[in-house]
Amino acid sequence: MGKIILRLDRVMADRKMSLNELSKKVGVSNVNLSKIKTGKISAVRFSTLEAICEALDCQPGDILEYDKN
């Protein structure tokens, strides 16, 4: 069975956006964004994903990657 890999850190680095700045724009705590960034979560709400994509001007596929191995 594959797994979902979160690439939020890469997109944030590309946009030169800090965790604090993203947290303010998205309205999600630093702790929760950090968990998303490090992949230590089991689910992400679509509303949170939408807010992250809006703040980073990206697509969900830029943040989420499926690894079937």
PDB file of N, CA and C in Angstrom:
ATOM      1  N   MET A   1       0.837  -1.183   0.000  1.00  0.00           N
ATOM      2  CA  MET A   1       0.000   0.000   0.000  1.00  0.00           C
ATOM      3  C   MET A   1       0.882   1.246   0.000  1.00  0.00           C
ATOM      4  N   GLY A   2       0.477   2.233  -0.774  1.00  0.00           N
ATOM      5  CA  GLY A   2       1.234   3.474  -0.886  1.00  0.00           C
ATOM      6  C   GLY A   2       0.973   4.415   0.266  1.00  0.00           C
ATOM      7  N   LYS A   3       1.547   5.593   0.141  1.00  0.00           N
ATOM      8  CA  LYS A   3       1.348   6.602   1.177  1.00  0.00           C
ATOM      9  C   LYS A   3       1.348   7.992   0.552  1.00  0.00           C
ATOM     10  N   ILE A   4       0.730   8.918   1.266  1.00  0.00           N
ATOM     11  CA  ILE A   4       0.694  10.311   0.851  1.00  0.00           C
ATOM     12  C   ILE A   4       1.867  11.033   1.503  1.00  0.00           C
ATOM     13  N   ILE A   5       2.613  11.767   0.703  1.00  0.00           N
ATOM     14  CA  ILE A   5       3.746  12.542   1.198  1.00  0.00           C
ATOM     15  C   ILE A   5       3.370  14.020   1.110  1.00  0.00           C
ATOM     16  N   LEU A   6       3.591  14.742   2.183  1.00  0.00           N
ATOM     17  CA  LEU A   6       3.282  16.167   2.218  1.00  0.00           C
ATOM     18  C   LEU A   6       4.520  16.965   1.847  1.00  0.00           C
ATOM     19  N   ARG A   7       4.364  17.875   0.914  1.00  0.00           N
ATOM     20  CA  ARG A   7       5.470  18.710   0.421  1.00  0.00           C
ATOM     21  C   ARG A   7       5.281  20.184   0.767  1.00  0.00           C
ATOM     22  N   LEU A   8       4.582  20.452   1.855  1.00  0.00           N
ATOM     23  CA  LEU A   8       4.328  21.830   2.248  1.00  0.00           C
ATOM     24  C   LEU A   8       5.624  22.593   2.476  1.00  0.00           C
ATOM     25  N   ASP A   9       6.614  21.947   3.074  1.00  0.00           N
ATOM     26  CA  ASP A   9       7.885  22.619   3.338  1.00  0.00           C
ATOM     27  C   ASP A   9       8.544  23.099   2.054  1.00  0.00           C
ATOM     28  N   ARG A  10       8.474  22.287   1.012  1.00  0.00           N
ATOM     29  CA  ARG A  10       9.078  22.649  -0.275  1.00  0.00           C
ATOM     30  C   ARG A  10       8.366  23.851  -0.905  1.00  0.00           C
ATOM     31  N   VAL A  11       7.028  23.831  -0.863  1.00  0.00           N
ATOM     32  CA  VAL A  11       6.260  24.931  -1.452  1.00  0.00           C
ATOM     33  C   VAL A  11       6.486  26.221  -0.660  1.00  0.00           C
ATOM     34  N   MET A  12       6.532  26.109   0.652  1.00  0.00           N
ATOM     35  CA  MET A  12       6.802  27.287   1.481  1.00  0.00           C
ATOM     36  C   MET A  12       8.182  27.860   1.163  1.00  0.00           C
ATOM     37  N   ALA A  13       9.169  27.017   1.001  1.00  0.00           N
ATOM     38  CA  ALA A  13      10.526  27.479   0.681  1.00  0.00           C
ATOM     39  C   ALA A  13      10.544  28.153  -0.690  1.00  0.00           C
ATOM     40  N   ASP A  14       9.840  27.574  -1.659  1.00  0.00           N
ATOM     41  CA  ASP A  14       9.769  28.170  -2.995  1.00  0.00           C
ATOM     42  C   ASP A  14       9.158  29.568  -2.948  1.00  0.00           C
ATOM     43  N   ARG A  15       8.178  29.743  -2.056  1.00  0.00           N
ATOM     44  CA  ARG A  15       7.481  31.035  -1.940  1.00  0.00           C
ATOM     45  C   ARG A  15       8.142  31.958  -0.912  1.00  0.00           C
ATOM     46  N   LYS A  16       9.211  31.456  -0.276  1.00  0.00           N
ATOM     47  CA  LYS A  16       9.925  32.209   0.773  1.00  0.00           C
ATOM     48  C   LYS A  16       8.966  32.691   1.859  1.00  0.00           C
ATOM     49  N   MET A  17       8.101  31.763   2.317  1.00  0.00           N
ATOM     50  CA  MET A  17       7.116  32.083   3.344  1.00  0.00           C
ATOM     51  C   MET A  17       7.423  31.289   4.601  1.00  0.00           C
ATOM     52  N   SER A  18       7.428  31.975   5.723  1.00  0.00           N
ATOM     53  CA  SER A  18       7.702  31.321   7.000  1.00  0.00           C
ATOM     54  C   SER A  18       6.438  30.655   7.534  1.00  0.00           C
ATOM     55  N   LEU A  19       6.627  29.785   8.499  1.00  0.00           N
ATOM     56  CA  LEU A  19       5.504  29.118   9.139  1.00  0.00           C
ATOM     57  C   LEU A  19       4.605  30.139   9.832  1.00  0.00           C
ATOM     58  N   ASN A  20       5.205  31.137  10.483  1.00  0.00           N
ATOM     59  CA  ASN A  20       4.417  32.178  11.160  1.00  0.00           C
ATOM     60  C   ASN A  20       3.577  32.973  10.172  1.00  0.00           C
ATOM     61  N   GLU A  21       4.160  33.329   9.056  1.00  0.00           N
ATOM     62  CA  GLU A  21       3.435  34.101   8.040  1.00  0.00           C
ATOM     63  C   GLU A  21       2.282  33.282   7.461  1.00  0.00           C
ATOM     64  N   LEU A  22       2.548  32.021   7.154  1.00  0.00           N
ATOM     65  CA  LEU A  22       1.498  31.158   6.614  1.00  0.00           C
ATOM     66  C   LEU A  22       0.389  30.961   7.639  1.00  0.00           C
ATOM     67  N   SER A  23       0.761  30.791   8.888  1.00  0.00           N
ATOM     68  CA  SER A  23      -0.207  30.609   9.965  1.00  0.00           C
ATOM     69  C   SER A  23      -1.167  31.796  10.036  1.00  0.00           C
ATOM     70  N   LYS A  24      -0.636  32.999   9.928  1.00  0.00           N
ATOM     71  CA  LYS A  24      -1.472  34.197   9.978  1.00  0.00           C
ATOM     72  C   LYS A  24      -2.402  34.289   8.774  1.00  0.00           C
ATOM     73  N   LYS A  25      -1.888  33.948   7.595  1.00  0.00           N
ATOM     74  CA  LYS A  25      -2.698  34.031   6.385  1.00  0.00           C
ATOM     75  C   LYS A  25      -3.797  32.972   6.346  1.00  0.00           C
ATOM     76  N   VAL A  26      -3.492  31.788   6.882  1.00  0.00           N
ATOM     77  CA  VAL A  26      -4.419  30.662   6.797  1.00  0.00           C
ATOM     78  C   VAL A  26      -5.385  30.624   7.978  1.00  0.00           C
ATOM     79  N   GLY A  27      -4.951  31.160   9.120  1.00  0.00           N
ATOM     80  CA  GLY A  27      -5.792  31.106  10.306  1.00  0.00           C
ATOM     81  C   GLY A  27      -5.729  29.764  11.012  1.00  0.00           C
ATOM     82  N   VAL A  28      -4.593  29.099  10.886  1.00  0.00           N
ATOM     83  CA  VAL A  28      -4.345  27.807  11.533  1.00  0.00           C
ATOM     84  C   VAL A  28      -3.121  27.987  12.430  1.00  0.00           C
ATOM     85  N   SER A  29      -3.127  27.368  13.585  1.00  0.00           N
ATOM     86  CA  SER A  29      -2.024  27.537  14.529  1.00  0.00           C
ATOM     87  C   SER A  29      -0.702  27.025  13.956  1.00  0.00           C
ATOM     88  N   ASN A  30       0.383  27.588  14.469  1.00  0.00           N
ATOM     89  CA  ASN A  30       1.723  27.137  14.075  1.00  0.00           C
ATOM     90  C   ASN A  30       1.897  25.647  14.338  1.00  0.00           C
ATOM     91  N   VAL A  31       1.368  25.182  15.466  1.00  0.00           N
ATOM     92  CA  VAL A  31       1.507  23.770  15.834  1.00  0.00           C
ATOM     93  C   VAL A  31       0.856  22.871  14.789  1.00  0.00           C
ATOM     94  N   ASN A  32      -0.364  23.208  14.391  1.00  0.00           N
ATOM     95  CA  ASN A  32      -1.064  22.380  13.400  1.00  0.00           C
ATOM     96  C   ASN A  32      -0.394  22.457  12.033  1.00  0.00           C
ATOM     97  N   LEU A  33       0.056  23.639  11.630  1.00  0.00           N
ATOM     98  CA  LEU A  33       0.765  23.753  10.352  1.00  0.00           C
ATOM     99  C   LEU A  33       2.082  23.002  10.393  1.00  0.00           C
ATOM    100  N   SER A  34       2.750  23.030  11.525  1.00  0.00           N
ATOM    101  CA  SER A  34       3.999  22.293  11.668  1.00  0.00           C
ATOM    102  C   SER A  34       3.771  20.796  11.504  1.00  0.00           C
ATOM    103  N   LYS A  35       2.670  20.299  12.055  1.00  0.00           N
ATOM    104  CA  LYS A  35       2.339  18.878  11.896  1.00  0.00           C
ATOM    105  C   LYS A  35       2.078  18.534  10.437  1.00  0.00           C
ATOM    106  N   ILE A  36       1.398  19.437   9.732  1.00  0.00           N
ATOM    107  CA  ILE A  36       1.170  19.214   8.299  1.00  0.00           C
ATOM    108  C   ILE A  36       2.505  19.236   7.569  1.00  0.00           C
ATOM    109  N   LYS A  37       3.324  20.205   7.888  1.00  0.00           N
ATOM    110  CA  LYS A  37       4.624  20.373   7.234  1.00  0.00           C
ATOM    111  C   LYS A  37       5.515  19.148   7.421  1.00  0.00           C
ATOM    112  N   THR A  38       5.493  18.554   8.603  1.00  0.00           N
ATOM    113  CA  THR A  38       6.348  17.401   8.882  1.00  0.00           C
ATOM    114  C   THR A  38       5.682  16.070   8.561  1.00  0.00           C
ATOM    115  N   GLY A  39       4.407  16.106   8.168  1.00  0.00           N
ATOM    116  CA  GLY A  39       3.706  14.876   7.804  1.00  0.00           C
ATOM    117  C   GLY A  39       3.215  14.079   8.990  1.00  0.00           C
ATOM    118  N   LYS A  40       3.143  14.688  10.150  1.00  0.00           N
ATOM    119  CA  LYS A  40       2.725  13.978  11.362  1.00  0.00           C
ATOM    120  C   LYS A  40       1.229  14.148  11.615  1.00  0.00           C
ATOM    121  N   ILE A  41       0.453  13.952  10.552  1.00  0.00           N
ATOM    122  CA  ILE A  41      -1.000  14.048  10.640  1.00  0.00           C
ATOM    123  C   ILE A  41      -1.613  12.869   9.900  1.00  0.00           C
ATOM    124  N   SER A  42      -2.865  12.601  10.174  1.00  0.00           N
ATOM    125  CA  SER A  42      -3.547  11.529   9.452  1.00  0.00           C
ATOM    126  C   SER A  42      -4.636  12.061   8.539  1.00  0.00           C
ATOM    127  N   ALA A  43      -4.967  13.351   8.661  1.00  0.00           N
ATOM    128  CA  ALA A  43      -6.007  13.946   7.827  1.00  0.00           C
ATOM    129  C   ALA A  43      -5.813  15.455   7.740  1.00  0.00           C
ATOM    130  N   VAL A  44      -6.304  16.023   6.638  1.00  0.00           N
ATOM    131  CA  VAL A  44      -6.312  17.472   6.458  1.00  0.00           C
ATOM    132  C   VAL A  44      -7.705  17.853   5.972  1.00  0.00           C
ATOM    133  N   ARG A  45      -8.299  18.826   6.609  1.00  0.00           N
ATOM    134  CA  ARG A  45      -9.608  19.307   6.159  1.00  0.00           C
ATOM    135  C   ARG A  45      -9.443  20.010   4.815  1.00  0.00           C
ATOM    136  N   PHE A  46     -10.445  19.838   3.957  1.00  0.00           N
ATOM    137  CA  PHE A  46     -10.399  20.523   2.673  1.00  0.00           C
ATOM    138  C   PHE A  46     -10.353  22.031   2.854  1.00  0.00           C
ATOM    139  N   SER A  47     -11.043  22.556   3.857  1.00  0.00           N
ATOM    140  CA  SER A  47     -11.031  24.009   4.083  1.00  0.00           C
ATOM    141  C   SER A  47      -9.618  24.490   4.427  1.00  0.00           C
ATOM    142  N   THR A  48      -8.877  23.689   5.180  1.00  0.00           N
ATOM    143  CA  THR A  48      -7.491  24.040   5.504  1.00  0.00           C
ATOM    144  C   THR A  48      -6.621  23.956   4.266  1.00  0.00           C
ATOM    145  N   LEU A  49      -6.797  22.912   3.493  1.00  0.00           N
ATOM    146  CA  LEU A  49      -6.032  22.745   2.252  1.00  0.00           C
ATOM    147  C   LEU A  49      -6.320  23.891   1.290  1.00  0.00           C
ATOM    148  N   GLU A  50      -7.591  24.269   1.182  1.00  0.00           N
ATOM    149  CA  GLU A  50      -7.964  25.394   0.314  1.00  0.00           C
ATOM    150  C   GLU A  50      -7.289  26.684   0.775  1.00  0.00           C
ATOM    151  N   ALA A  51      -7.286  26.939   2.083  1.00  0.00           N
ATOM    152  CA  ALA A  51      -6.674  28.156   2.621  1.00  0.00           C
ATOM    153  C   ALA A  51      -5.168  28.165   2.389  1.00  0.00           C
ATOM    154  N   ILE A  52      -4.524  27.020   2.546  1.00  0.00           N
ATOM    155  CA  ILE A  52      -3.084  26.916   2.295  1.00  0.00           C
ATOM    156  C   ILE A  52      -2.787  27.186   0.824  1.00  0.00           C
ATOM    157  N   CYS A  53      -3.568  26.579  -0.061  1.00  0.00           N
ATOM    158  CA  CYS A  53      -3.364  26.783  -1.499  1.00  0.00           C
ATOM    159  C   CYS A  53      -3.590  28.238  -1.891  1.00  0.00           C
ATOM    160  N   GLU A  54      -4.585  28.871  -1.288  1.00  0.00           N
ATOM    161  CA  GLU A  54      -4.848  30.291  -1.552  1.00  0.00           C
ATOM    162  C   GLU A  54      -3.659  31.140  -1.092  1.00  0.00           C
ATOM    163  N   ALA A  55      -3.166  30.894   0.106  1.00  0.00           N
ATOM    164  CA  ALA A  55      -2.067  31.689   0.660  1.00  0.00           C
ATOM    165  C   ALA A  55      -0.764  31.491  -0.108  1.00  0.00           C
ATOM    166  N   LEU A  56      -0.537  30.268  -0.587  1.00  0.00           N
ATOM    167  CA  LEU A  56       0.714  29.960  -1.280  1.00  0.00           C
ATOM    168  C   LEU A  56       0.585  30.034  -2.806  1.00  0.00           C
ATOM    169  N   ASP A  57      -0.623  30.343  -3.294  1.00  0.00           N
ATOM    170  CA  ASP A  57      -0.882  30.410  -4.730  1.00  0.00           C
ATOM    171  C   ASP A  57      -0.390  29.137  -5.425  1.00  0.00           C
ATOM    172  N   CYS A  58      -0.928  28.015  -4.952  1.00  0.00           N
ATOM    173  CA  CYS A  58      -0.528  26.723  -5.503  1.00  0.00           C
ATOM    174  C   CYS A  58      -1.740  25.807  -5.647  1.00  0.00           C
ATOM    175  N   GLN A  59      -1.517  24.640  -6.170  1.00  0.00           N
ATOM    176  CA  GLN A  59      -2.539  23.616  -6.326  1.00  0.00           C
ATOM    177  C   GLN A  59      -2.329  22.543  -5.259  1.00  0.00           C
ATOM    178  N   PRO A  60      -3.394  21.806  -4.876  1.00  0.00           N
ATOM    179  CA  PRO A  60      -3.223  20.733  -3.888  1.00  0.00           C
ATOM    180  C   PRO A  60      -2.140  19.726  -4.289  1.00  0.00           C
ATOM    181  N   GLY A  61      -2.012  19.474  -5.574  1.00  0.00           N
ATOM    182  CA  GLY A  61      -0.998  18.545  -6.057  1.00  0.00           C
ATOM    183  C   GLY A  61       0.430  19.026  -5.836  1.00  0.00           C
ATOM    184  N   ASP A  62       0.596  20.317  -5.598  1.00  0.00           N
ATOM    185  CA  ASP A  62       1.920  20.850  -5.272  1.00  0.00           C
ATOM    186  C   ASP A  62       2.317  20.488  -3.847  1.00  0.00           C
ATOM    187  N   ILE A  63       1.318  20.253  -3.001  1.00  0.00           N
ATOM    188  CA  ILE A  63       1.542  19.982  -1.583  1.00  0.00           C
ATOM    189  C   ILE A  63       1.461  18.494  -1.276  1.00  0.00           C
ATOM    190  N   LEU A  64       0.580  17.790  -1.973  1.00  0.00           N
ATOM    191  CA  LEU A  64       0.363  16.357  -1.723  1.00  0.00           C
ATOM    192  C   LEU A  64       0.939  15.527  -2.853  1.00  0.00           C
ATOM    193  N   GLU A  65       1.601  14.457  -2.474  1.00  0.00           N
ATOM    194  CA  GLU A  65       2.177  13.539  -3.461  1.00  0.00           C
ATOM    195  C   GLU A  65       1.884  12.109  -3.038  1.00  0.00           C
ATOM    196  N   TYR A  66       1.539  11.258  -3.983  1.00  0.00           N
ATOM    197  CA  TYR A  66       1.260   9.854  -3.684  1.00  0.00           C
ATOM    198  C   TYR A  66       2.463   9.018  -4.088  1.00  0.00           C
ATOM    199  N   ASP A  67       2.956   8.216  -3.138  1.00  0.00           N
ATOM    200  CA  ASP A  67       4.065   7.294  -3.379  1.00  0.00           C
ATOM    201  C   ASP A  67       3.539   5.890  -3.239  1.00  0.00           C
ATOM    202  N   LYS A  68       3.471   5.139  -4.327  1.00  0.00           N
ATOM    203  CA  LYS A  68       2.885   3.802  -4.262  1.00  0.00           C
ATOM    204  C   LYS A  68       3.860   2.742  -3.757  1.00  0.00           C
ATOM    205  N   ASN A  69       5.096   3.101  -3.533  1.00  0.00           N
ATOM    206  CA  ASN A  69       6.076   2.116  -3.046  1.00  0.00           C
ATOM    207  C   ASN A  69       6.151   2.079  -1.553  1.00  0.00           C
TER     208      ASN A  69
END
